[in-house]
Amino acid sequence: MDWYNLQDNNSQTTPSAGTLKDNMKIGNTTVISFINLKGGVGKTTSAVNVAATLARRDFKSGDKSTKPASVLLIDLDPQSNASLTLLNKKQYEEIDRTNKTLYQLFDNEISRDDDSETFDLGDIRVTPIEGLNLDLLPSSLKLIDIQDKLVGYHRYYLSATDILFNALNKLKNPEGKAYTHIIFDCPPSLGLITLNALSLSRYFIVPTLLDAYSHWGLDKIVECVNRLKRCKASCEVELLGVLYSKVDPRSTIENYKWDIEFQKWGTEFDEWLSKNIRTGKGAIIFKSRINSADIIRKAEADNRPLIEYHPSASNLRSEQKKHQVEWEELVTEILERIEYRRK
């Protein structure tokens, strides 16, 4: 097994918002990709709800004062589920019809001449929920057509895996400041669009089902990331952890059995790490789990992340509060892992 190298920000008031590698110009931004080669594992739900939960946090800045988070969610999946979670159908159809999606970035980059300006991502950015410090760069089904075109892309000074990084360098939040966090919802593939995200990410998270087979595809993701890092010296992306998503809390016996299988995989990884890199980076699998819950689907049907879903029925409000605790715990664990890995 060709393991890559691993390494691991924090809470309601959190240590610093994180630092990106020094040779990047996206400011002190923590960039995280959510990725899995399989569909239906809760990848998009995880990316959207982590981004929204982060957007309600405050963070300690360099002078020890606190400031609110400013989060950018980038939907790179052509299925556009993250976009459709935050935008209603009419809003999304208008955005897609007028080419205000990430398709336009890649299409423009492929067709423009060297003297033309690169695409301005500010032209397609939307703020889907008023009062929430969360911006969105929407996706489009047309991104499917871009994958093959990118294979033949070449510029003397820019590679096909750096298109998004080059554009994000120029993007600030609406107040003219750098984002504290950028979250990618990646396609369920390891094509060039996914590599654009991984190339500029500091961490990646793999949401997975807790079942008999889901850990099998994790090796391929790790191998691909390792290959990318070998070929691209500026890439420092690290696995932050594997997240159990859509867990059925009633299947206690089965969950225990499959958890043992995942733990074996994690142990194997740790053994490789201790021999090849260094120890002390923490467990591979997040302690936090996200249970399957109808209240999450109701929030998505209302075009909202769970933290911004406010049903009128008291039983639904109770469910919302109960399951939002899981996302709060996960975000806190994510940030703690990042803080620990920087030590």
Foldseek 3Di string as FASTA:
>chain_A
DDFAAFFAWFDLETEALAAFDPVAQLGRAAEEEEAALDPPLCRLLLLLQLQQLQQNHWYQHPVRDIDGAAEEEEEAAQVQLNVLLLDPPVVVVVLVVVVLACVCQLVCLQPPDPPDDHDANVSNKDDRDPPGNYIYHTHHNCVVVSQVSLVPDDDPVDHLLQSVSVNSSPDDRPVRHRGSYYYYRHYSDLTSSNSNSQQRHQEYEYRGALADPTVVRVVVVSNSSNVSCVVDVSGNYHYHAYAHEQYAVVPVVRSVVSVVVVVVVQVVNQVVNVVPPNDDLDTRHDPQYQHRDVLQVVSSVVSHRLVPDDDPDPVSNVVSVVRSVSSNVVSRSRSVSRVSRVD
